[in-house]
Protein backbone atom coordinates (compact mmCIF):
# COMPACT_ATOMS: atom_id res chain seq x y z
CA UNK A 1 0.00 0.00 0.00
CA UNK A 2 2.72 2.49 0.94
CA UNK A 3 4.79 1.74 -2.15
CA UNK A 4 1.82 2.32 -4.47
CA UNK A 5 1.19 5.69 -2.81
CA UNK A 6 4.84 6.66 -3.23
CA UNK A 7 4.80 5.60 -6.88
CA UNK A 8 1.61 7.62 -7.44
CA UNK A 9 3.14 10.68 -5.82
CA UNK A 10 6.31 10.31 -7.89
CA UNK A 11 4.39 9.93 -11.14
CA UNK A 12 2.20 12.94 -10.31
CA UNK A 13 5.28 15.03 -9.50
CA UNK A 14 6.94 14.03 -12.78
CA UNK A 15 3.79 14.85 -14.78
CA UNK A 16 3.61 18.29 -13.14
CA UNK A 17 7.24 18.97 -14.07
CA UNK A 18 6.65 17.77 -17.64
CA UNK A 19 3.56 19.95 -18.09
CA UNK A 20 5.37 22.99 -16.69
CA UNK A 21 8.22 22.37 -19.11
CA UNK A 22 5.81 22.07 -22.03
CA UNK A 23 4.05 25.29 -21.01
CA UNK A 24 7.43 27.05 -21.18
CA UNK A 25 7.80 25.84 -24.77
CA UNK A 26 4.42 27.25 -25.89
CA UNK A 27 4.42 30.50 -27.85
CA UNK A 28 2.40 32.48 -25.30
CA UNK A 29 2.94 35.92 -23.88
CA UNK A 30 4.49 36.09 -20.42
CA UNK A 31 1.28 36.94 -18.54
CA UNK A 32 -0.68 34.06 -20.08
CA UNK A 33 2.18 31.64 -19.46
CA UNK A 34 2.30 32.66 -15.80
CA UNK A 35 -1.45 32.11 -15.41
CA UNK A 36 -1.20 28.64 -16.97
CA UNK A 37 1.74 27.76 -14.71
CA UNK A 38 -0.19 28.78 -11.59
CA UNK A 39 -3.19 26.70 -12.69
CA UNK A 40 -0.97 23.66 -13.32
CA UNK A 41 0.72 24.03 -9.94
CA UNK A 42 -2.62 24.34 -8.11
CA UNK A 43 -4.01 21.26 -9.87
CA UNK A 44 -0.80 19.40 -9.08
CA UNK A 45 -0.92 20.29 -5.39
CA UNK A 46 -4.55 19.19 -5.16
CA UNK A 47 -3.66 15.93 -6.88
CA UNK A 48 -0.76 15.32 -4.49
CA UNK A 49 -3.00 16.05 -1.51
CA UNK A 50 -5.47 13.44 -2.77
CA UNK A 51 -2.67 10.85 -2.77
CA UNK A 52 -1.87 11.80 0.81
CA UNK A 53 -5.57 11.31 1.72
CA UNK A 54 -6.08 14.90 2.80
CA UNK A 55 -9.17 15.20 0.57
PDB file of N, CA and C in Angstrom:
ATOM      1  N   UNK A   1       0.822  -1.190   0.000  1.00  0.00           N
ATOM      2  CA  UNK A   1       0.000   0.000   0.000  1.00  0.00           C
ATOM      3  C   UNK A   1       0.868   1.257   0.000  1.00  0.00           C
ATOM      4  N   UNK A   2       1.873   1.297   0.853  1.00  0.00           N
ATOM      5  CA  UNK A   2       2.721   2.487   0.939  1.00  0.00           C
ATOM      6  C   UNK A   2       3.537   2.689  -0.328  1.00  0.00           C
ATOM      7  N   UNK A   3       3.983   1.591  -0.931  1.00  0.00           N
ATOM      8  CA  UNK A   3       4.788   1.737  -2.146  1.00  0.00           C
ATOM      9  C   UNK A   3       3.945   2.244  -3.308  1.00  0.00           C
ATOM     10  N   UNK A   4       2.673   1.831  -3.385  1.00  0.00           N
ATOM     11  CA  UNK A   4       1.823   2.325  -4.468  1.00  0.00           C
ATOM     12  C   UNK A   4       1.526   3.808  -4.291  1.00  0.00           C
ATOM     13  N   UNK A   5       1.400   4.270  -3.053  1.00  0.00           N
ATOM     14  CA  UNK A   5       1.186   5.691  -2.808  1.00  0.00           C
ATOM     15  C   UNK A   5       2.426   6.479  -3.203  1.00  0.00           C
ATOM     16  N   UNK A   6       3.602   5.970  -2.855  1.00  0.00           N
ATOM     17  CA  UNK A   6       4.839   6.659  -3.232  1.00  0.00           C
ATOM     18  C   UNK A   6       5.024   6.701  -4.738  1.00  0.00           C
ATOM     19  N   UNK A   7       4.694   5.614  -5.416  1.00  0.00           N
ATOM     20  CA  UNK A   7       4.795   5.596  -6.877  1.00  0.00           C
ATOM     21  C   UNK A   7       3.813   6.588  -7.485  1.00  0.00           C
ATOM     22  N   UNK A   8       2.602   6.651  -6.953  1.00  0.00           N
ATOM     23  CA  UNK A   8       1.611   7.615  -7.440  1.00  0.00           C
ATOM     24  C   UNK A   8       2.059   9.045  -7.242  1.00  0.00           C
ATOM     25  N   UNK A   9       2.643   9.334  -6.090  1.00  0.00           N
ATOM     26  CA  UNK A   9       3.143  10.682  -5.815  1.00  0.00           C
ATOM     27  C   UNK A   9       4.286  11.026  -6.762  1.00  0.00           C
ATOM     28  N   UNK A  10       5.184  10.079  -6.984  1.00  0.00           N
ATOM     29  CA  UNK A  10       6.310  10.311  -7.889  1.00  0.00           C
ATOM     30  C   UNK A  10       5.840  10.555  -9.315  1.00  0.00           C
ATOM     31  N   UNK A  11       4.904   9.758  -9.787  1.00  0.00           N
ATOM     32  CA  UNK A  11       4.386   9.931 -11.144  1.00  0.00           C
ATOM     33  C   UNK A  11       3.679  11.279 -11.269  1.00  0.00           C
ATOM     34  N   UNK A  12       2.890  11.652 -10.270  1.00  0.00           N
ATOM     35  CA  UNK A  12       2.204  12.940 -10.305  1.00  0.00           C
ATOM     36  C   UNK A  12       3.204  14.088 -10.339  1.00  0.00           C
ATOM     37  N   UNK A  13       4.246  13.992  -9.528  1.00  0.00           N
ATOM     38  CA  UNK A  13       5.278  15.028  -9.498  1.00  0.00           C
ATOM     39  C   UNK A  13       5.976  15.137 -10.854  1.00  0.00           C
ATOM     40  N   UNK A  14       6.287  14.013 -11.472  1.00  0.00           N
ATOM     41  CA  UNK A  14       6.940  14.032 -12.784  1.00  0.00           C
ATOM     42  C   UNK A  14       6.029  14.607 -13.858  1.00  0.00           C
ATOM     43  N   UNK A  15       4.744  14.297 -13.797  1.00  0.00           N
ATOM     44  CA  UNK A  15       3.795  14.852 -14.775  1.00  0.00           C
ATOM     45  C   UNK A  15       3.683  16.357 -14.614  1.00  0.00           C
ATOM     46  N   UNK A  16       3.671  16.840 -13.373  1.00  0.00           N
ATOM     47  CA  UNK A  16       3.613  18.286 -13.139  1.00  0.00           C
ATOM     48  C   UNK A  16       4.840  18.966 -13.745  1.00  0.00           C
ATOM     49  N   UNK A  17       6.014  18.395 -13.520  1.00  0.00           N
ATOM     50  CA  UNK A  17       7.241  18.970 -14.070  1.00  0.00           C
ATOM     51  C   UNK A  17       7.206  18.958 -15.596  1.00  0.00           C
ATOM     52  N   UNK A  18       6.730  17.868 -16.185  1.00  0.00           N
ATOM     53  CA  UNK A  18       6.645  17.773 -17.644  1.00  0.00           C
ATOM     54  C   UNK A  18       5.687  18.810 -18.210  1.00  0.00           C
ATOM     55  N   UNK A  19       4.530  18.966 -17.595  1.00  0.00           N
ATOM     56  CA  UNK A  19       3.557  19.948 -18.090  1.00  0.00           C
ATOM     57  C   UNK A  19       4.104  21.362 -17.957  1.00  0.00           C
ATOM     58  N   UNK A  20       4.771  21.658 -16.842  1.00  0.00           N
ATOM     59  CA  UNK A  20       5.365  22.991 -16.688  1.00  0.00           C
ATOM     60  C   UNK A  20       6.441  23.242 -17.733  1.00  0.00           C
ATOM     61  N   UNK A  21       7.212  22.230 -18.070  1.00  0.00           N
ATOM     62  CA  UNK A  21       8.225  22.370 -19.114  1.00  0.00           C
ATOM     63  C   UNK A  21       7.558  22.627 -20.472  1.00  0.00           C
ATOM     64  N   UNK A  22       6.497  21.888 -20.755  1.00  0.00           N
ATOM     65  CA  UNK A  22       5.813  22.068 -22.034  1.00  0.00           C
ATOM     66  C   UNK A  22       5.139  23.430 -22.121  1.00  0.00           C
ATOM     67  N   UNK A  23       4.641  23.949 -21.007  1.00  0.00           N
ATOM     68  CA  UNK A  23       4.048  25.288 -21.006  1.00  0.00           C
ATOM     69  C   UNK A  23       5.114  26.324 -21.345  1.00  0.00           C
ATOM     70  N   UNK A  24       6.333  26.130 -20.854  1.00  0.00           N
ATOM     71  CA  UNK A  24       7.429  27.051 -21.179  1.00  0.00           C
ATOM     72  C   UNK A  24       7.721  27.070 -22.671  1.00  0.00           C
ATOM     73  N   UNK A  25       7.489  25.939 -23.341  1.00  0.00           N
ATOM     74  CA  UNK A  25       7.798  25.837 -24.767  1.00  0.00           C
ATOM     75  C   UNK A  25       6.700  26.429 -25.651  1.00  0.00           C
ATOM     76  N   UNK A  26       5.525  26.708 -25.091  1.00  0.00           N
ATOM     77  CA  UNK A  26       4.423  27.245 -25.889  1.00  0.00           C
ATOM     78  C   UNK A  26       4.679  28.700 -26.255  1.00  0.00           C
ATOM     79  N   UNK A  27       4.233  29.096 -27.447  1.00  0.00           N
ATOM     80  CA  UNK A  27       4.417  30.504 -27.850  1.00  0.00           C
ATOM     81  C   UNK A  27       3.323  31.406 -27.275  1.00  0.00           C
ATOM     82  N   UNK A  28       3.366  31.622 -25.972  1.00  0.00           N
ATOM     83  CA  UNK A  28       2.398  32.483 -25.301  1.00  0.00           C
ATOM     84  C   UNK A  28       3.118  33.712 -24.756  1.00  0.00           C
ATOM     85  N   UNK A  29       2.327  34.769 -24.519  1.00  0.00           N
ATOM     86  CA  UNK A  29       2.944  35.922 -23.877  1.00  0.00           C
ATOM     87  C   UNK A  29       3.196  35.601 -22.400  1.00  0.00           C
ATOM     88  N   UNK A  30       4.013  36.406 -21.772  1.00  0.00           N
ATOM     89  CA  UNK A  30       4.491  36.095 -20.421  1.00  0.00           C
ATOM     90  C   UNK A  30       3.355  36.034 -19.405  1.00  0.00           C
ATOM     91  N   UNK A  31       2.389  36.919 -19.509  1.00  0.00           N
ATOM     92  CA  UNK A  31       1.276  36.943 -18.537  1.00  0.00           C
ATOM     93  C   UNK A  31       0.440  35.675 -18.650  1.00  0.00           C
ATOM     94  N   UNK A  32       0.126  35.259 -19.864  1.00  0.00           N
ATOM     95  CA  UNK A  32      -0.682  34.060 -20.076  1.00  0.00           C
ATOM     96  C   UNK A  32       0.078  32.818 -19.614  1.00  0.00           C
ATOM     97  N   UNK A  33       1.356  32.772 -19.887  1.00  0.00           N
ATOM     98  CA  UNK A  33       2.183  31.637 -19.464  1.00  0.00           C
ATOM     99  C   UNK A  33       2.202  31.526 -17.940  1.00  0.00           C
ATOM    100  N   UNK A  34       2.289  32.662 -17.255  1.00  0.00           N
ATOM    101  CA  UNK A  34       2.304  32.656 -15.802  1.00  0.00           C
ATOM    102  C   UNK A  34       0.963  32.163 -15.243  1.00  0.00           C
ATOM    103  N   UNK A  35      -0.136  32.565 -15.846  1.00  0.00           N
ATOM    104  CA  UNK A  35      -1.455  32.111 -15.411  1.00  0.00           C
ATOM    105  C   UNK A  35      -1.580  30.603 -15.583  1.00  0.00           C
ATOM    106  N   UNK A  36      -1.133  30.084 -16.721  1.00  0.00           N
ATOM    107  CA  UNK A  36      -1.205  28.645 -16.969  1.00  0.00           C
ATOM    108  C   UNK A  36      -0.321  27.887 -15.984  1.00  0.00           C
ATOM    109  N   UNK A  37       0.842  28.415 -15.676  1.00  0.00           N
ATOM    110  CA  UNK A  37       1.735  27.762 -14.712  1.00  0.00           C
ATOM    111  C   UNK A  37       1.110  27.700 -13.324  1.00  0.00           C
ATOM    112  N   UNK A  38       0.464  28.769 -12.904  1.00  0.00           N
ATOM    113  CA  UNK A  38      -0.187  28.781 -11.593  1.00  0.00           C
ATOM    114  C   UNK A  38      -1.322  27.761 -11.559  1.00  0.00           C
ATOM    115  N   UNK A  39      -2.092  27.671 -12.626  1.00  0.00           N
ATOM    116  CA  UNK A  39      -3.188  26.698 -12.695  1.00  0.00           C
ATOM    117  C   UNK A  39      -2.646  25.278 -12.615  1.00  0.00           C
ATOM    118  N   UNK A  40      -1.568  24.996 -13.347  1.00  0.00           N
ATOM    119  CA  UNK A  40      -0.970  23.663 -13.322  1.00  0.00           C
ATOM    120  C   UNK A  40      -0.440  23.326 -11.930  1.00  0.00           C
ATOM    121  N   UNK A  41       0.181  24.278 -11.277  1.00  0.00           N
ATOM    122  CA  UNK A  41       0.717  24.031  -9.936  1.00  0.00           C
ATOM    123  C   UNK A  41      -0.412  23.783  -8.941  1.00  0.00           C
ATOM    124  N   UNK A  42      -1.492  24.543  -9.027  1.00  0.00           N
ATOM    125  CA  UNK A  42      -2.624  24.340  -8.114  1.00  0.00           C
ATOM    126  C   UNK A  42      -3.248  22.968  -8.327  1.00  0.00           C
ATOM    127  N   UNK A  43      -3.453  22.584  -9.578  1.00  0.00           N
ATOM    128  CA  UNK A  43      -4.012  21.261  -9.866  1.00  0.00           C
ATOM    129  C   UNK A  43      -3.066  20.170  -9.374  1.00  0.00           C
ATOM    130  N   UNK A  44      -1.773  20.379  -9.547  1.00  0.00           N
ATOM    131  CA  UNK A  44      -0.799  19.401  -9.077  1.00  0.00           C
ATOM    132  C   UNK A  44      -0.795  19.250  -7.574  1.00  0.00           C
ATOM    133  N   UNK A  45      -0.893  20.362  -6.855  1.00  0.00           N
ATOM    134  CA  UNK A  45      -0.923  20.293  -5.391  1.00  0.00           C
ATOM    135  C   UNK A  45      -2.183  19.587  -4.915  1.00  0.00           C
ATOM    136  N   UNK A  46      -3.318  19.877  -5.530  1.00  0.00           N
ATOM    137  CA  UNK A  46      -4.552  19.190  -5.158  1.00  0.00           C
ATOM    138  C   UNK A  46      -4.437  17.698  -5.430  1.00  0.00           C
ATOM    139  N   UNK A  47      -3.834  17.340  -6.550  1.00  0.00           N
ATOM    140  CA  UNK A  47      -3.658  15.929  -6.875  1.00  0.00           C
ATOM    141  C   UNK A  47      -2.739  15.236  -5.875  1.00  0.00           C
ATOM    142  N   UNK A  48      -1.666  15.901  -5.492  1.00  0.00           N
ATOM    143  CA  UNK A  48      -0.765  15.322  -4.489  1.00  0.00           C
ATOM    144  C   UNK A  48      -1.450  15.182  -3.132  1.00  0.00           C
ATOM    145  N   UNK A  49      -2.278  16.142  -2.777  1.00  0.00           N
ATOM    146  CA  UNK A  49      -2.996  16.049  -1.511  1.00  0.00           C
ATOM    147  C   UNK A  49      -4.010  14.903  -1.515  1.00  0.00           C
ATOM    148  N   UNK A  50      -4.560  14.588  -2.680  1.00  0.00           N
ATOM    149  CA  UNK A  50      -5.466  13.438  -2.770  1.00  0.00           C
ATOM    150  C   UNK A  50      -4.707  12.139  -2.525  1.00  0.00           C
ATOM    151  N   UNK A  51      -3.482  12.054  -3.027  1.00  0.00           N
ATOM    152  CA  UNK A  51      -2.675  10.845  -2.768  1.00  0.00           C
ATOM    153  C   UNK A  51      -2.333  10.720  -1.293  1.00  0.00           C
ATOM    154  N   UNK A  52      -2.185  11.823  -0.612  1.00  0.00           N
ATOM    155  CA  UNK A  52      -1.869  11.799   0.808  1.00  0.00           C
ATOM    156  C   UNK A  52      -3.121  11.686   1.674  1.00  0.00           C
ATOM    157  N   UNK A  53      -4.269  11.507   1.052  1.00  0.00           N
ATOM    158  CA  UNK A  53      -5.570  11.313   1.717  1.00  0.00           C
ATOM    159  C   UNK A  53      -5.968  12.505   2.562  1.00  0.00           C
ATOM    160  N   UNK A  54      -5.635  13.701   2.110  1.00  0.00           N
ATOM    161  CA  UNK A  54      -6.082  14.897   2.798  1.00  0.00           C
ATOM    162  C   UNK A  54      -7.513  15.218   2.367  1.00  0.00           C
ATOM    163  N   UNK A  55      -7.809  14.986   1.089  1.00  0.00           N
ATOM    164  CA  UNK A  55      -9.166  15.204   0.572  1.00  0.00           C
ATOM    165  C   UNK A  55      -9.878  13.893   0.430  1.00  0.00           C
TER     166      UNK A  55
END
